[in-house]
Amino acid sequence: MSTPLQYYQDLPPVAKTYGVLCLMTSGVYHLGLINIWSIALSYEDVLKRFQIWRLVTNFFFLGPFSLTFAFRLLLIARHGVQLERGPFDKRTADYLWMFIFGALSLLVMSIFPFLRARFMGASIVFMIVYVWSREFPNERLNIHGLFQLKGFYLPWYMMGVDLILGNPLKPDLLGMAAGHLYYFLTVLYPLSGGKYTFKTPLLVHKLVAYWGKGYQMNAPVQKNPAAGVAFQGRSYRLNGTRTSASTRTQSNNSDQTQTDAPAEPNQADGIAFRGRSYRLNSQ
């Protein structure tokens, strides 16, 4: 049986990092260490006072500690982790891009006053659930032991829960719109024969490589490009272009004592064969 620490360490990096940041944000707010409105989204403060952090920090607040907060955190721990371990397995950069694309889409939507929200963490969670419902449409969910529900209908069930709890439905609708836009561009449109391929930007691949967490198949950059190139370079120079001092001394002595002696065919062929074999192996 795994311990809580082992369970935490086994979580995939993207969902784990986002969940921890949301938990920390609500924690410091509960302790009174920050004024929560200092991290809320406000385009007036962003444009006039250059408080750029508001464009990012508003996504990390899921609300104060409550039943709704616990429910949203559990959705990240279950459906967000299942997405990262399933369809996005070995695709850390693609999964991170899903979060970034969703956040950018929500920021664009919030430009319109009737769609504006001060905190959009709930919309990100709903986007995760929507994408999960499209990736696992036929998975059976046991709802509190009362009835079973197909995965495709999970977003609608969540909207019903928020309606019963008295939570606003606008964050859910915005998250559904962002999730559907991402799923359409990455899955539905390419399957319908669309020529445009919606790929993860190179900058996101570099960010994941610099982060050093997770793994991306066929990534255009190495996980640690600086270390990888340096190591390969040193290995090539030592084995391919450098010789030891004793080898150079023996070679000079051999040249001096055998200057007038003709080279034997077998020796010449042997040296040539070793040279070609080494280059093939080293390259």
Protein backbone atom coordinates (compact mmCIF):
# COMPACT_ATOMS: atom_id res chain seq x y z
CA MET A 1 0.00 0.00 0.00
CA SER A 2 1.46 3.35 -1.05
CA THR A 3 1.93 6.16 1.44
CA PRO A 4 0.60 9.70 0.81
CA LEU A 5 4.17 10.86 0.10
CA GLN A 6 4.69 8.11 -2.45
CA TYR A 7 1.32 8.89 -4.05
CA TYR A 8 2.32 12.54 -4.35
CA GLN A 9 5.70 11.70 -5.87
CA ASP A 10 4.11 9.37 -8.43
CA LEU A 11 1.74 12.06 -9.73
CA PRO A 12 2.55 13.38 -13.23
CA PRO A 13 4.22 16.81 -13.19
CA VAL A 14 1.76 19.16 -14.90
CA ALA A 15 -1.43 18.22 -13.03
CA LYS A 16 0.50 17.95 -9.77
CA THR A 17 2.08 21.38 -10.15
CA TYR A 18 -1.21 23.06 -10.99
CA GLY A 19 -3.02 21.38 -8.09
CA VAL A 20 -0.30 22.33 -5.62
CA LEU A 21 -0.31 25.97 -6.78
CA CYS A 22 -4.09 26.14 -6.36
CA LEU A 23 -3.84 24.59 -2.89
CA MET A 24 -1.08 27.00 -1.85
CA THR A 25 -3.01 30.03 -3.13
CA SER A 26 -6.12 29.13 -1.14
CA GLY A 27 -3.93 28.31 1.85
CA VAL A 28 -2.18 31.66 2.03
CA TYR A 29 -5.53 33.38 1.52
CA HIS A 30 -7.04 31.39 4.39
CA LEU A 31 -4.12 32.41 6.64
CA GLY A 32 -4.60 36.07 5.71
CA LEU A 33 -1.13 36.39 4.19
CA ILE A 34 -2.30 38.02 0.96
CA ASN A 35 -5.08 40.24 -0.24
CA ILE A 36 -6.78 37.98 -2.74
CA TRP A 37 -7.83 40.92 -4.92
CA SER A 38 -4.17 41.71 -5.56
CA ILE A 39 -3.94 38.61 -7.78
CA ALA A 40 -7.36 38.90 -9.43
CA LEU A 41 -7.71 39.63 -13.11
CA SER A 42 -8.09 43.35 -13.79
CA TYR A 43 -7.25 44.70 -17.21
CA GLU A 44 -7.23 48.21 -15.83
CA ASP A 45 -4.45 47.34 -13.39
CA VAL A 46 -2.62 45.39 -16.06
CA LEU A 47 -2.66 48.22 -18.60
CA LYS A 48 -2.36 51.26 -16.35
CA ARG A 49 -0.25 49.93 -13.46
CA PHE A 50 1.63 47.20 -15.37
CA GLN A 51 0.58 44.48 -12.91
CA ILE A 52 1.24 41.76 -15.45
CA TRP A 53 1.13 38.95 -12.88
CA ARG A 54 -2.66 39.25 -12.73
CA LEU A 55 -2.87 37.59 -16.14
CA VAL A 56 -1.43 34.41 -14.57
CA THR A 57 -2.21 34.39 -10.85
CA ASN A 58 -5.99 34.55 -11.30
CA PHE A 59 -5.93 30.98 -12.64
CA PHE A 60 -4.52 29.59 -9.39
CA PHE A 61 -7.41 30.54 -7.10
CA LEU A 62 -10.23 28.00 -6.93
CA GLY A 63 -11.98 29.77 -4.08
CA PRO A 64 -11.67 29.66 -0.29
CA PHE A 65 -11.54 26.34 1.53
CA SER A 66 -14.99 24.83 1.12
CA LEU A 67 -16.80 21.83 -0.31
CA THR A 68 -16.65 23.43 -3.76
CA PHE A 69 -12.88 23.94 -3.47
CA ALA A 70 -12.34 20.31 -2.41
CA PHE A 71 -14.54 19.10 -5.27
CA ARG A 72 -12.52 21.09 -7.85
CA LEU A 73 -9.21 19.92 -6.41
CA LEU A 74 -10.36 16.30 -6.60
CA LEU A 75 -11.29 16.82 -10.24
CA ILE A 76 -7.70 17.88 -10.95
CA ALA A 77 -6.34 14.93 -8.96
CA ARG A 78 -8.49 12.42 -10.81
CA HIS A 79 -9.41 13.60 -14.29
CA GLY A 80 -6.40 15.87 -14.81
CA VAL A 81 -4.02 13.10 -13.74
CA GLN A 82 -5.87 10.50 -15.83
CA LEU A 83 -5.54 12.73 -18.89
CA GLU A 84 -1.82 13.19 -18.35
CA ARG A 85 -1.27 9.46 -17.81
CA GLY A 86 -3.56 8.42 -20.67
CA PRO A 87 -3.96 10.41 -23.91
CA PHE A 88 -1.10 12.75 -22.95
CA ASP A 89 1.28 10.03 -21.76
CA LYS A 90 4.84 10.95 -22.74
CA ARG A 91 3.46 14.24 -24.10
CA THR A 92 4.25 16.64 -21.25
CA ALA A 93 4.74 19.64 -23.53
CA ASP A 94 1.43 18.98 -25.32
CA TYR A 95 -0.40 18.73 -21.99
CA LEU A 96 1.19 21.92 -20.71
CA TRP A 97 0.20 23.62 -23.97
CA MET A 98 -3.40 22.57 -23.37
CA PHE A 99 -3.33 24.53 -20.08
CA ILE A 100 -1.64 27.55 -21.69
CA PHE A 101 -3.99 27.56 -24.68
CA GLY A 102 -7.00 27.31 -22.38
CA ALA A 103 -5.74 30.21 -20.27
CA LEU A 104 -5.09 32.36 -23.35
CA SER A 105 -8.56 31.57 -24.72
CA LEU A 106 -10.17 32.53 -21.41
CA LEU A 107 -8.20 35.78 -21.29
CA VAL A 108 -9.47 36.67 -24.76
CA MET A 109 -13.04 35.85 -23.77
CA SER A 110 -12.77 37.97 -20.64
CA ILE A 111 -12.11 41.06 -22.73
CA PHE A 112 -15.85 41.24 -23.25
CA PRO A 113 -17.47 42.68 -20.09
CA PHE A 114 -20.36 40.18 -19.99
CA LEU A 115 -17.85 37.26 -20.01
CA ARG A 116 -15.37 38.78 -17.56
CA ALA A 117 -14.42 36.98 -14.34
CA ARG A 118 -11.94 38.01 -11.66
CA PHE A 119 -10.73 34.43 -11.10
CA MET A 120 -10.76 31.77 -13.81
CA GLY A 121 -9.32 28.75 -12.03
CA ALA A 122 -12.76 27.14 -12.01
CA SER A 123 -12.92 27.54 -15.80
CA ILE A 124 -9.55 25.78 -16.19
CA VAL A 125 -10.83 22.88 -14.09
CA PHE A 126 -13.96 22.65 -16.19
CA MET A 127 -11.85 22.71 -19.35
CA ILE A 128 -9.90 19.70 -18.00
CA VAL A 129 -13.14 17.85 -17.32
CA TYR A 130 -14.52 18.65 -20.77
CA VAL A 131 -11.41 17.41 -22.58
CA TRP A 132 -11.45 14.30 -20.38
CA SER A 133 -15.09 13.65 -21.33
CA ARG A 134 -14.16 13.73 -25.01
CA GLU A 135 -11.16 11.46 -24.54
CA PHE A 136 -13.06 8.96 -22.33
CA PRO A 137 -16.66 9.23 -23.60
CA ASN A 138 -17.66 5.65 -22.79
CA GLU A 139 -16.04 5.28 -19.38
CA ARG A 140 -18.53 4.39 -16.67
CA LEU A 141 -18.57 6.65 -13.63
CA ASN A 142 -20.13 5.58 -10.36
CA ILE A 143 -21.84 8.68 -8.96
CA HIS A 144 -21.87 8.35 -5.17
CA GLY A 145 -23.05 4.76 -5.47
CA LEU A 146 -26.46 5.94 -6.69
CA PHE A 147 -26.20 5.63 -10.47
CA GLN A 148 -23.71 5.27 -13.30
CA LEU A 149 -22.86 7.92 -15.83
CA LYS A 150 -20.96 7.84 -19.09
CA GLY A 151 -17.87 10.01 -19.20
CA PHE A 152 -19.28 12.05 -22.09
CA TYR A 153 -22.01 13.47 -19.82
CA LEU A 154 -19.72 14.39 -16.91
CA PRO A 155 -19.54 18.16 -17.75
CA TRP A 156 -23.32 18.39 -17.77
CA TYR A 157 -23.54 16.57 -14.45
CA MET A 158 -21.01 19.02 -12.98
CA MET A 159 -23.06 21.95 -14.20
CA GLY A 160 -26.07 20.47 -12.44
CA VAL A 161 -24.07 20.12 -9.21
CA ASP A 162 -22.93 23.75 -9.40
CA LEU A 163 -26.52 24.79 -10.01
CA ILE A 164 -27.67 22.91 -6.89
CA LEU A 165 -24.84 24.34 -4.79
CA GLY A 166 -25.67 27.85 -5.94
CA ASN A 167 -22.40 28.38 -7.82
CA PRO A 168 -22.44 30.56 -10.95
CA LEU A 169 -22.55 28.68 -14.23
CA LYS A 170 -20.55 31.20 -16.25
CA PRO A 171 -17.13 29.71 -15.31
CA ASP A 172 -18.38 26.29 -16.38
CA LEU A 173 -19.59 27.56 -19.74
CA LEU A 174 -16.35 29.45 -20.39
CA GLY A 175 -14.29 26.37 -19.51
CA MET A 176 -16.42 24.24 -21.81
CA ALA A 177 -15.89 26.72 -24.66
CA ALA A 178 -12.11 26.76 -24.15
CA GLY A 179 -11.96 22.97 -23.92
CA HIS A 180 -14.06 22.47 -27.03
CA LEU A 181 -11.93 24.95 -28.99
CA TYR A 182 -8.75 23.08 -28.03
CA TYR A 183 -10.26 19.67 -28.79
CA PHE A 184 -11.61 20.87 -32.12
CA LEU A 185 -8.25 22.27 -33.27
CA THR A 186 -6.15 19.31 -32.10
CA VAL A 187 -8.44 16.33 -32.75
CA LEU A 188 -11.67 17.00 -34.67
CA TYR A 189 -10.37 19.31 -37.38
CA PRO A 190 -7.33 17.13 -38.30
CA LEU A 191 -9.57 14.03 -38.38
CA SER A 192 -11.93 15.78 -40.81
CA GLY A 193 -9.08 16.31 -43.25
CA GLY A 194 -8.06 19.81 -42.25
CA LYS A 195 -4.75 20.91 -43.72
CA TYR A 196 -3.74 23.15 -40.83
CA THR A 197 -2.05 21.28 -37.99
CA PHE A 198 -2.35 22.82 -34.54
CA LYS A 199 1.01 22.01 -32.98
CA THR A 200 2.56 22.78 -29.63
CA PRO A 201 4.82 25.85 -29.99
CA LEU A 202 8.57 25.37 -29.81
CA LEU A 203 8.74 27.74 -26.84
CA VAL A 204 6.63 25.30 -24.79
CA HIS A 205 8.94 22.43 -25.73
CA LYS A 206 11.92 24.50 -24.58
CA LEU A 207 10.13 25.35 -21.34
CA VAL A 208 9.52 21.66 -20.60
CA ALA A 209 13.12 20.82 -21.50
CA TYR A 210 14.39 23.53 -19.15
CA TRP A 211 11.96 22.37 -16.44
CA GLY A 212 13.38 18.85 -16.67
CA LYS A 213 10.10 17.14 -15.70
CA GLY A 214 8.05 14.72 -17.73
CA TYR A 215 8.83 13.46 -21.22
CA GLN A 216 7.81 14.48 -24.73
CA MET A 217 8.00 12.00 -27.60
CA ASN A 218 9.76 13.32 -30.70
CA ALA A 219 10.51 16.61 -28.97
CA PRO A 220 12.35 19.14 -31.17
CA VAL A 221 14.65 19.99 -28.25
CA GLN A 222 16.57 17.84 -25.79
CA LYS A 223 15.53 17.54 -22.17
CA ASN A 224 18.76 19.28 -21.14
CA PRO A 225 20.24 20.59 -24.37
CA ALA A 226 23.26 22.37 -22.89
CA ALA A 227 24.45 19.34 -20.97
CA GLY A 228 23.71 16.94 -23.80
CA VAL A 229 25.70 18.86 -26.43
CA ALA A 230 28.63 19.47 -24.11
CA PHE A 231 28.87 15.80 -23.16
CA GLN A 232 28.70 14.62 -26.73
CA GLY A 233 31.36 17.10 -27.75
CA ARG A 234 33.83 16.02 -25.08
CA SER A 235 33.26 12.36 -25.82
CA TYR A 236 33.89 12.88 -29.54
CA ARG A 237 37.08 14.87 -29.06
CA LEU A 238 38.59 12.43 -26.58
CA ASN A 239 37.91 9.34 -28.66
CA GLY A 240 37.82 10.70 -32.18
CA THR A 241 40.51 13.40 -32.47
CA ARG A 242 42.81 13.11 -29.43
CA THR A 243 45.49 10.52 -28.65
CA SER A 244 47.33 9.87 -25.43
CA ALA A 245 50.91 11.00 -24.83
CA SER A 246 52.23 7.43 -24.75
CA THR A 247 50.57 6.66 -28.07
CA ARG A 248 52.11 9.75 -29.67
CA THR A 249 55.56 8.80 -28.32
CA GLN A 250 55.32 5.22 -29.59
CA SER A 251 54.16 6.51 -32.97
CA ASN A 252 57.12 8.93 -33.26
CA ASN A 253 59.61 6.23 -32.28
CA SER A 254 58.11 3.81 -34.80
CA ASP A 255 58.31 6.42 -37.56
CA GLN A 256 61.98 7.14 -36.78
CA THR A 257 63.08 3.47 -36.73
CA GLN A 258 61.04 2.36 -39.75
CA THR A 259 61.47 5.33 -42.09
CA ASP A 260 63.27 3.34 -44.78
CA ALA A 261 61.43 0.08 -44.26
CA PRO A 262 58.51 -0.57 -46.62
CA ALA A 263 55.18 -1.00 -44.95
CA GLU A 264 53.81 -4.53 -44.95
CA PRO A 265 50.51 -4.87 -46.79
CA ASN A 266 48.76 -6.66 -43.93
CA GLN A 267 49.77 -3.96 -41.42
CA ALA A 268 48.61 -1.16 -43.71
CA ASP A 269 45.31 -2.87 -44.34
CA GLY A 270 44.83 -3.53 -40.64
CA ILE A 271 45.39 0.13 -39.72
CA ALA A 272 43.01 1.29 -42.42
CA PHE A 273 40.34 -1.15 -41.28
CA ARG A 274 40.62 -0.07 -37.65
CA GLY A 275 40.33 3.57 -38.67
CA ARG A 276 37.17 3.07 -40.67
CA SER A 277 35.62 0.87 -37.99
CA TYR A 278 36.28 3.42 -35.30
CA ARG A 279 34.79 6.28 -37.29
CA LEU A 280 31.66 4.28 -37.96
CA ASN A 281 31.24 3.47 -34.28
CA SER A 282 32.05 6.94 -33.03
CA GLN A 283 29.79 8.65 -35.50
